[in-house]
Structures are given as C-alpha cells and as structure tokens.
C-alpha cells in the first residue's frame, strides 16, 4: 500500500470538492494502492471557539457581500454541477474546527477515519449542521459506531488539543499554506481539487510501476 496523506479542513469547500473527485477516481480503480490518512489544517485557526455567523464571516473575509458572492461563485458552480446534494444556503454558522479535527484523529485510532471525515463533510455541506457543536460531533461519532459517551468526555476535556494544534503548525512550518493538499507516498505533492482523470492517471502509473517491479 502507498500512503496518501491529505491535509484538509472539513469546512473547506475546495477540500470537499477534491475529496469527491478523488473518491470518483478510487471507485473507478478498486485495485488502487492507497492507504488514506487525514491531517489537520484549520482554515481559520483564530476563529472564536463558538464560531461565527456564516454571512458575517464571508463578508469579513472577502471584504463585503458582493466580493463574497464573486469569490464563492466558482465553488457554487462546481458544487451544483458535481455535487447536487450540497446545500450551501443551509449553512448558518462557520465553526471553529479544532474539535472536528480531534474527532477525526480519534476516529483514525479506531480505523474509522475516512467514514468520520465523510460524515463531517456531509453534515456541514449537505445538512448545514454546526460541526463545532459538541452535541453534533457526538451524534456524528455515534453514526460511525464510535462510543458517543467517550467522545463527549474527550471533547469536554483538553485531550489531544495541543497535539492537533502542533500538527497543524507543523504543516504550516513545512510550507503548507492552502488545502486540500495530497502527499503521495511521502514524496509527491498534489495541490488543489484535481479532476478524477488526474487521479486515475496517478493510480494507473503506480500500478504499472508495481507490476514492473
């Protein structure tokens, strides 16, 4: 197996698009060699703990309502075309994702990391749920067969808080400044939401190399 390390944030629209495109490629190549590992990168590391109103966040980030609409237009166009279940209008709050990344970390310890990541993206982009809210995170954890009571105890403690922050900072120190970022086999970086065809080509090349070895 070849490790595919993915740096992401579950509120990042381009990460969501990139994940969906990668999944289409993997579905078309069921013999792919990838073992996927998800890594934390907060788009908004200084976001208030309780998050903030979605509209206020976008307008502050892009410098007004009109600028926000223009900046988000490509995202809306792609999602409407490729991911019709997306409901951006349902999103009311932009959360702090530190707890979501902690949950992804714990899910990884139980071999449930990718299902947990998928559940977080679906909850945020399709259902408009606040994935910074502890009750929401516990519910999502139970949905992938994690122990909800244990997850709640962990989330209401400082467990692995510093660890996730250090991993996020380590990524930045290594030059990661935008996500999604995919690292293939700890050697090759693939930036951005690449189309399925690129991933199919990567997989085919890796399988050919394996066959020739």
Foldseek 3Di string as FASTA:
>chain_A
DKEKEWEDFLVDLQQVLLVLQQVVLCVVVVVFPYDYDYAYAWPCQPAPLAFAFPQVVLCVVQVHDVSSCVVCVVSVVVCVVPPVLFDQVLAGGDHGCLLLRVLLVVCVVVVRNVVSSVLSNCCCGRVNDHNSDLVVSLVSCVVSVDDSVVSSVCSVDCPCSVVNVVRNVVCVVVPDDDDGWIQIRVPDIDHTRDGSVVVNVVRVVVVVVVVVD
